[in-house]
C-alpha atoms as a PDB file:
ATOM      1  CA  MET A   1       0.000   0.000   0.000  1.00  0.00           C
ATOM      2  CA  THR A   2       1.058   3.590  -0.482  1.00  0.00           C
ATOM      3  CA  VAL A   3       1.382   5.786   2.565  1.00  0.00           C
ATOM      4  CA  THR A   4       0.624   9.426   1.874  1.00  0.00           C
ATOM      5  CA  VAL A   5       0.120  12.367   4.175  1.00  0.00           C
ATOM      6  CA  ALA A   6      -3.650  12.159   3.870  1.00  0.00           C
ATOM      7  CA  ASN A   7      -3.657   8.499   4.890  1.00  0.00           C
ATOM      8  CA  TYR A   8      -2.641   9.449   8.397  1.00  0.00           C
ATOM      9  CA  ALA A   9      -5.102  12.263   8.963  1.00  0.00           C
ATOM     10  CA  ALA A  10      -7.720  10.470  11.031  1.00  0.00           C
ATOM     11  CA  LYS A  11      -5.460   8.597  13.437  1.00  0.00           C
ATOM     12  CA  ALA A  12      -2.782  11.283  13.718  1.00  0.00           C
ATOM     13  CA  ALA A  13      -5.182  13.490  15.629  1.00  0.00           C
ATOM     14  CA  ARG A  14      -5.541  10.824  18.300  1.00  0.00           C
ATOM     15  CA  GLY A  15      -2.048   9.530  18.986  1.00  0.00           C
ATOM     16  CA  PRO A  16       1.737   9.790  18.513  1.00  0.00           C
ATOM     17  CA  MET A  17       3.464   9.142  15.223  1.00  0.00           C
ATOM     18  CA  SER A  18       4.667   5.653  16.167  1.00  0.00           C
ATOM     19  CA  ALA A  19       1.114   4.603  16.998  1.00  0.00           C
ATOM     20  CA  VAL A  20      -0.132   5.956  13.683  1.00  0.00           C
ATOM     21  CA  VAL A  21       2.460   3.989  11.723  1.00  0.00           C
ATOM     22  CA  ALA A  22       1.749   0.811  13.665  1.00  0.00           C
ATOM     23  CA  ALA A  23      -1.951   1.134  12.910  1.00  0.00           C
ATOM     24  CA  VAL A  24      -1.454   1.649   9.180  1.00  0.00           C
ATOM     25  CA  VAL A  25       1.103  -1.140   8.876  1.00  0.00           C
ATOM     26  CA  ALA A  26      -1.193  -3.546  10.709  1.00  0.00           C
ATOM     27  CA  LEU A  27      -4.259  -2.719   8.584  1.00  0.00           C
ATOM     28  CA  GLY A  28      -4.785  -3.873   5.051  1.00  0.00           C
ATOM     29  CA  ALA A  29      -5.154  -1.338   2.282  1.00  0.00           C
ATOM     30  CA  GLY A  30      -8.910  -1.936   2.085  1.00  0.00           C
ATOM     31  CA  ALA A  31      -9.461  -1.274   5.761  1.00  0.00           C
ATOM     32  CA  VAL A  32      -7.420   1.918   5.609  1.00  0.00           C
ATOM     33  CA  SER A  33      -9.289   3.153   2.544  1.00  0.00           C
ATOM     34  CA  SER A  34     -12.633   2.455   4.204  1.00  0.00           C
ATOM     35  CA  ALA A  35     -11.698   4.386   7.325  1.00  0.00           C
ATOM     36  CA  LEU A  36     -10.294   7.314   5.353  1.00  0.00           C
ATOM     37  CA  ALA A  37     -13.360   7.577   3.147  1.00  0.00           C
ATOM     38  CA  GLN A  38     -15.128   9.176   6.093  1.00  0.00           C
ATOM     39  CA  GLN A  39     -12.436  11.853   6.469  1.00  0.00           C
ATOM     40  CA  PRO A  40     -12.211  15.128   4.519  1.00  0.00           C
ATOM     41  CA  ALA A  41      -9.363  15.485   2.027  1.00  0.00           C
ATOM     42  CA  ALA A  42      -6.478  17.581   3.307  1.00  0.00           C
ATOM     43  CA  ALA A  43      -3.381  19.014   1.683  1.00  0.00           C
ATOM     44  CA  PRO A  44       0.061  18.525   3.211  1.00  0.00           C
ATOM     45  CA  VAL A  45       1.196  21.221   5.605  1.00  0.00           C
ATOM     46  CA  THR A  46       4.626  21.251   3.981  1.00  0.00           C
ATOM     47  CA  ASP A  47       4.422  20.908   0.223  1.00  0.00           C
ATOM     48  CA  THR A  48       7.751  22.159  -1.038  1.00  0.00           C
ATOM     49  CA  TRP A  49      11.438  21.284  -0.977  1.00  0.00           C
ATOM     50  CA  ILE A  50      13.769  23.724   0.752  1.00  0.00           C
ATOM     51  CA  LYS A  51      17.528  24.237   0.638  1.00  0.00           C
ATOM     52  CA  VAL A  52      19.811  25.281   3.482  1.00  0.00           C
ATOM     53  CA  CYS A  53      23.603  25.622   3.395  1.00  0.00           C
ATOM     54  CA  ARG A  54      26.498  26.155   5.778  1.00  0.00           C
ATOM     55  CA  SER A  55      30.270  26.304   5.582  1.00  0.00           C
ATOM     56  CA  ASP A  56      32.317  23.451   7.026  1.00  0.00           C
ATOM     57  CA  ASP A  57      35.194  24.996   8.966  1.00  0.00           C
ATOM     58  CA  LYS A  58      37.307  21.830   8.715  1.00  0.00           C
ATOM     59  CA  THR A  59      36.995  21.086   5.003  1.00  0.00           C
ATOM     60  CA  LYS A  60      36.395  24.698   3.935  1.00  0.00           C
ATOM     61  CA  LYS A  61      33.576  23.426   1.747  1.00  0.00           C
ATOM     62  CA  GLU A  62      29.972  24.495   1.514  1.00  0.00           C
ATOM     63  CA  LEU A  63      27.530  21.826   2.687  1.00  0.00           C
ATOM     64  CA  CYS A  64      23.994  22.079   1.344  1.00  0.00           C
ATOM     65  CA  LYS A  65      20.917  20.060   2.194  1.00  0.00           C
ATOM     66  CA  THR A  66      17.832  20.050  -0.019  1.00  0.00           C
ATOM     67  CA  ALA A  67      15.029  18.549   2.047  1.00  0.00           C
ATOM     68  CA  TYR A  68      11.337  17.712   2.076  1.00  0.00           C
ATOM     69  CA  ASP A  69       9.231  16.924   5.145  1.00  0.00           C
ATOM     70  CA  LEU A  70       6.199  14.663   4.928  1.00  0.00           C
ATOM     71  CA  ARG A  71       3.571  15.659   7.474  1.00  0.00           C
ATOM     72  CA  THR A  72       0.130  14.396   8.339  1.00  0.00           C
ATOM     73  CA  SER A  73      -2.845  16.607   7.566  1.00  0.00           C
ATOM     74  CA  ALA A  74      -2.881  17.366  11.288  1.00  0.00           C
ATOM     75  CA  GLY A  75       0.623  18.770  10.937  1.00  0.00           C
ATOM     76  CA  GLN A  76       2.573  16.035  12.705  1.00  0.00           C
ATOM     77  CA  PHE A  77       5.994  15.239  11.276  1.00  0.00           C
ATOM     78  CA  LEU A  78       5.954  11.856   9.544  1.00  0.00           C
ATOM     79  CA  ALA A  79       9.177  11.420   7.575  1.00  0.00           C
ATOM     80  CA  SER A  80      11.787  13.405   5.681  1.00  0.00           C
ATOM     81  CA  VAL A  81      14.118  13.013   2.723  1.00  0.00           C
ATOM     82  CA  ALA A  82      17.207  15.150   2.113  1.00  0.00           C
ATOM     83  CA  ILE A  83      19.974  15.340  -0.464  1.00  0.00           C
ATOM     84  CA  VAL A  84      23.250  16.356   1.192  1.00  0.00           C
ATOM     85  CA  GLU A  85      25.914  17.789  -1.102  1.00  0.00           C
ATOM     86  CA  ALA A  86      29.400  19.182  -0.515  1.00  0.00           C
ATOM     87  CA  SER A  87      30.850  21.647  -3.009  1.00  0.00           C
ATOM     88  CA  GLY A  88      33.338  20.035  -5.390  1.00  0.00           C
ATOM     89  CA  GLU A  89      32.296  16.462  -4.555  1.00  0.00           C
ATOM     90  CA  ALA A  90      30.560  14.074  -6.938  1.00  0.00           C
ATOM     91  CA  ARG A  91      29.214  11.981  -4.073  1.00  0.00           C
ATOM     92  CA  LYS A  92      25.682  12.752  -2.876  1.00  0.00           C
ATOM     93  CA  ILE A  93      24.173  11.506   0.372  1.00  0.00           C
ATOM     94  CA  VAL A  94      20.471  10.685   0.460  1.00  0.00           C
ATOM     95  CA  GLU A  95      19.404  10.970   4.085  1.00  0.00           C
ATOM     96  CA  MET A  96      15.998   9.806   5.314  1.00  0.00           C
ATOM     97  CA  ILE A  97      14.259   9.994   8.670  1.00  0.00           C
ATOM     98  CA  MET A  98      11.604   7.299   8.871  1.00  0.00           C
ATOM     99  CA  PRO A  99       8.993   6.644  11.578  1.00  0.00           C
ATOM    100  CA  THR A 100       9.541   3.937  14.163  1.00  0.00           C
ATOM    101  CA  GLY A 101       7.664   0.635  13.931  1.00  0.00           C
ATOM    102  CA  LEU A 102       9.308  -0.463  10.675  1.00  0.00           C
ATOM    103  CA  LEU A 103      11.706  -3.376  10.163  1.00  0.00           C
ATOM    104  CA  LEU A 104      15.301  -2.146  10.243  1.00  0.00           C
ATOM    105  CA  GLN A 105      17.198  -5.108   8.792  1.00  0.00           C
ATOM    106  CA  PRO A 106      15.740  -5.016   5.249  1.00  0.00           C
ATOM    107  CA  GLY A 107      16.548  -1.322   4.998  1.00  0.00           C
ATOM    108  CA  LEU A 108      14.844   0.822   2.374  1.00  0.00           C
ATOM    109  CA  LYS A 109      14.408   0.867  -1.379  1.00  0.00           C
ATOM    110  CA  VAL A 110      14.701   4.322  -2.926  1.00  0.00           C
ATOM    111  CA  GLN A 111      13.716   5.059  -6.520  1.00  0.00           C
ATOM    112  CA  VAL A 112      12.622   7.867  -8.806  1.00  0.00           C
ATOM    113  CA  ASP A 113       9.362   7.007 -10.552  1.00  0.00           C
ATOM    114  CA  GLN A 114       9.802   3.597 -12.220  1.00  0.00           C
ATOM    115  CA  ASN A 115      13.604   3.695 -12.266  1.00  0.00           C
ATOM    116  CA  LYS A 116      15.636   0.943 -10.629  1.00  0.00           C
ATOM    117  CA  GLY A 117      15.530   1.086  -6.845  1.00  0.00           C
ATOM    118  CA  GLU A 118      18.658   1.623  -4.759  1.00  0.00           C
ATOM    119  CA  ASP A 119      19.305   0.282  -1.261  1.00  0.00           C
ATOM    120  CA  ALA A 120      19.528   2.441   1.853  1.00  0.00           C
ATOM    121  CA  LYS A 121      20.542   1.151   5.273  1.00  0.00           C
ATOM    122  CA  PHE A 122      19.304   2.271   8.659  1.00  0.00           C
ATOM    123  CA  GLY A 123      21.835   3.680  11.093  1.00  0.00           C
ATOM    124  CA  MET A 124      20.649   5.042  14.417  1.00  0.00           C
ATOM    125  CA  CYS A 125      17.159   5.287  15.899  1.00  0.00           C
ATOM    126  CA  ALA A 126      15.619   7.681  18.396  1.00  0.00           C
ATOM    127  CA  PRO A 127      12.201   7.479  20.083  1.00  0.00           C
ATOM    128  CA  ASP A 128      10.635   9.570  17.327  1.00  0.00           C
ATOM    129  CA  GLY A 129      12.333   8.192  14.222  1.00  0.00           C
ATOM    130  CA  CYS A 130      15.135   6.216  12.534  1.00  0.00           C
ATOM    131  CA  VAL A 131      17.810   7.584  10.217  1.00  0.00           C
ATOM    132  CA  ALA A 132      18.776   5.826   6.984  1.00  0.00           C
ATOM    133  CA  GLN A 133      21.393   6.858   4.427  1.00  0.00           C
ATOM    134  CA  MET A 134      22.320   6.010   0.884  1.00  0.00           C
ATOM    135  CA  VAL A 135      25.418   7.077  -1.015  1.00  0.00           C
ATOM    136  CA  SER A 136      24.491   8.202  -4.522  1.00  0.00           C
ATOM    137  CA  ASN A 137      25.714  10.438  -7.333  1.00  0.00           C
ATOM    138  CA  GLU A 138      24.848  13.274  -9.680  1.00  0.00           C
ATOM    139  CA  ALA A 139      22.915  10.931 -11.979  1.00  0.00           C
ATOM    140  CA  PHE A 140      20.447  10.166  -9.194  1.00  0.00           C
ATOM    141  CA  VAL A 141      19.998  13.867  -8.413  1.00  0.00           C
ATOM    142  CA  ALA A 142      19.514  14.580 -12.113  1.00  0.00           C
ATOM    143  CA  ALA A 143      16.798  11.913 -12.237  1.00  0.00           C
ATOM    144  CA  MET A 144      15.081  13.575  -9.281  1.00  0.00           C
ATOM    145  CA  LYS A 145      15.097  16.904 -11.114  1.00  0.00           C
ATOM    146  CA  LYS A 146      13.344  15.319 -14.094  1.00  0.00           C
ATOM    147  CA  GLY A 147      11.123  12.967 -12.102  1.00  0.00           C
ATOM    148  CA  THR A 148       7.647  13.166 -10.640  1.00  0.00           C
ATOM    149  CA  THR A 149       7.857  11.137  -7.430  1.00  0.00           C
ATOM    150  CA  LEU A 150      10.589   9.838  -5.141  1.00  0.00           C
ATOM    151  CA  ILE A 151       9.415   6.489  -3.790  1.00  0.00           C
ATOM    152  CA  VAL A 152      10.815   5.181  -0.512  1.00  0.00           C
ATOM    153  CA  THR A 153       9.758   1.639   0.374  1.00  0.00           C
ATOM    154  CA  ALA A 154      10.134   0.316   3.909  1.00  0.00           C
ATOM    155  CA  TYR A 155       8.800  -2.884   5.475  1.00  0.00           C
ATOM    156  CA  GLY A 156       6.310  -3.300   8.293  1.00  0.00           C
ATOM    157  CA  GLN A 157       6.421  -5.807  11.123  1.00  0.00           C
ATOM    158  CA  ALA A 158       4.664  -8.386   8.926  1.00  0.00           C
ATOM    159  CA  SER A 159       7.293  -7.789   6.192  1.00  0.00           C
ATOM    160  CA  ASN A 160       4.662  -5.971   4.148  1.00  0.00           C
ATOM    161  CA  PRO A 161       5.911  -3.078   1.996  1.00  0.00           C
ATOM    162  CA  VAL A 162       5.063   0.411   3.250  1.00  0.00           C
ATOM    163  CA  THR A 163       5.646   3.060   0.617  1.00  0.00           C
ATOM    164  CA  PHE A 164       6.271   6.763   1.216  1.00  0.00           C
ATOM    165  CA  SER A 165       5.745   8.943  -1.862  1.00  0.00           C
ATOM    166  CA  VAL A 166       7.538  12.289  -2.017  1.00  0.00           C
ATOM    167  CA  PRO A 167       6.583  14.738  -4.797  1.00  0.00           C
ATOM    168  CA  LEU A 168       9.479  16.116  -6.839  1.00  0.00           C
ATOM    169  CA  ASP A 169       7.773  19.032  -8.578  1.00  0.00           C
ATOM    170  CA  THR A 170       9.669  21.663  -6.543  1.00  0.00           C
ATOM    171  CA  PHE A 171      12.944  19.769  -6.088  1.00  0.00           C
ATOM    172  CA  LYS A 172      14.843  21.200  -9.069  1.00  0.00           C
ATOM    173  CA  THR A 173      13.932  24.784  -8.222  1.00  0.00           C
ATOM    174  CA  ALA A 174      15.021  24.351  -4.613  1.00  0.00           C
ATOM    175  CA  ASN A 175      18.199  22.410  -5.393  1.00  0.00           C
ATOM    176  CA  GLU A 176      19.441  24.829  -8.053  1.00  0.00           C
ATOM    177  CA  GLY A 177      18.212  27.984  -6.327  1.00  0.00           C
ATOM    178  CA  LYS A 178      19.569  30.059  -3.492  1.00  0.00           C
ATOM    179  CA  PRO A 179      19.420  28.577   0.022  1.00  0.00           C
ATOM    180  CA  LEU A 180      17.112  29.993   2.639  1.00  0.00           C
ATOM    181  CA  ASP A 181      18.793  32.330   5.085  1.00  0.00           C
ATOM    182  CA  GLU A 182      18.125  32.184   8.817  1.00  0.00           C
ATOM    183  CA  ALA A 183      15.417  34.861   8.668  1.00  0.00           C
ATOM    184  CA  ALA A 184      13.523  33.135   5.857  1.00  0.00           C
ATOM    185  CA  LEU A 185      13.839  29.750   7.556  1.00  0.00           C
ATOM    186  CA  LYS A 186      12.521  31.145  10.845  1.00  0.00           C
ATOM    187  CA  LYS A 187       9.598  32.810   9.068  1.00  0.00           C
ATOM    188  CA  ARG A 188       8.746  29.542   7.324  1.00  0.00           C
ATOM    189  CA  GLU A 189       8.856  27.574  10.578  1.00  0.00           C
ATOM    190  CA  GLU A 190       6.555  30.099  12.237  1.00  0.00           C
ATOM    191  CA  ALA A 191       4.098  29.857   9.334  1.00  0.00           C
ATOM    192  CA  ILE A 192       4.118  26.050   9.527  1.00  0.00           C
ATOM    193  CA  ALA A 193       3.565  26.139  13.302  1.00  0.00           C
ATOM    194  CA  ALA A 194       0.583  28.469  12.884  1.00  0.00           C
ATOM    195  CA  GLU A 195      -0.914  26.285  10.155  1.00  0.00           C
ATOM    196  CA  VAL A 196      -0.369  23.144  12.233  1.00  0.00           C
ATOM    197  CA  GLN A 197      -2.202  24.691  15.166  1.00  0.00           C
ATOM    198  CA  GLN A 198      -5.094  25.722  12.920  1.00  0.00           C
ATOM    199  CA  LYS A 199      -5.390  22.282  11.316  1.00  0.00           C
ATOM    200  CA  GLN A 200      -5.258  20.464  14.656  1.00  0.00           C
ATOM    201  CA  LYS A 201      -8.012  22.702  16.004  1.00  0.00           C
ATOM    202  CA  SER A 202     -10.111  22.020  12.898  1.00  0.00           C
ATOM    203  CA  ILE A 203      -9.725  18.257  13.333  1.00  0.00           C
ATOM    204  CA  GLU A 204     -10.551  18.443  17.047  1.00  0.00           C
ATOM    205  CA  ASP A 205     -13.668  20.501  16.278  1.00  0.00           C
ATOM    206  CA  GLN A 206     -14.722  17.955  13.658  1.00  0.00           C
ATOM    207  CA  LEU A 207     -14.246  15.043  16.070  1.00  0.00           C
ATOM    208  CA  ARG A 208     -16.316  16.776  18.751  1.00  0.00           C
ATOM    209  CA  ASP A 209     -19.044  17.493  16.203  1.00  0.00           C
ATOM    210  CA  GLU A 210     -19.116  13.840  15.094  1.00  0.00           C
ATOM    211  CA  GLN A 211     -19.283  12.674  18.713  1.00  0.00           C
ATOM    212  CA  ARG A 212     -22.137  15.077  19.389  1.00  0.00           C
ATOM    213  CA  LYS A 213     -24.071  13.845  16.350  1.00  0.00           C
ATOM    214  CA  ALA A 214     -23.484  10.212  17.346  1.00  0.00           C
ATOM    215  CA  THR A 215     -24.810  10.912  20.833  1.00  0.00           C
ATOM    216  CA  GLN A 216     -27.921  12.635  19.481  1.00  0.00           C
ATOM    217  CA  THR A 217     -28.782   9.739  17.171  1.00  0.00           C
ATOM    218  CA  LYS A 218     -28.654   7.120  19.922  1.00  0.00           C
ATOM    219  CA  PRO A 219     -32.143   5.826  20.885  1.00  0.00           C
END
């Protein structure tokens, strides 16, 4: 099944990220679709790639990260993908933060559209997510610039594939453009926080309204 931001909307309002992932992994695609049919469609809180850079004092090189955050419609962080590049180096690092509750040993499959998938291995885990990395090259980044979707496939506790789809429509612009400065980054984070708060309130209001209607219809 494909995991998208909207797929987590209903359960994200009720529990932590790890619980949301566990629920989706455990359910079949049909059960998830049935449950989500009762929920309103919602756009991702974060729908664009961003680029940030800094200078490495040791290597005297510029390090840039072009990143995209997947969030639930309630605004909770779900996963992220980033391309890490150092000036003058052909090597590119694809860094991913995945939710807990997934199998670590199989690692991840990472591919652009229908291109051949590449393997990524998990490194460290924290209570709110696990980090995986993949060493790649300019050809992979070029494919991302021309592609539509970056597909990251993980595996649930039952060894079932769990796919995270990341849109690439803004990747080229972000990767080739100027990085965000501290002021712009702070402004963006404040805007996201405000939107998250608004969306969470909307979901809470909807849940209360549904509970009220259910109570009124009881005999």
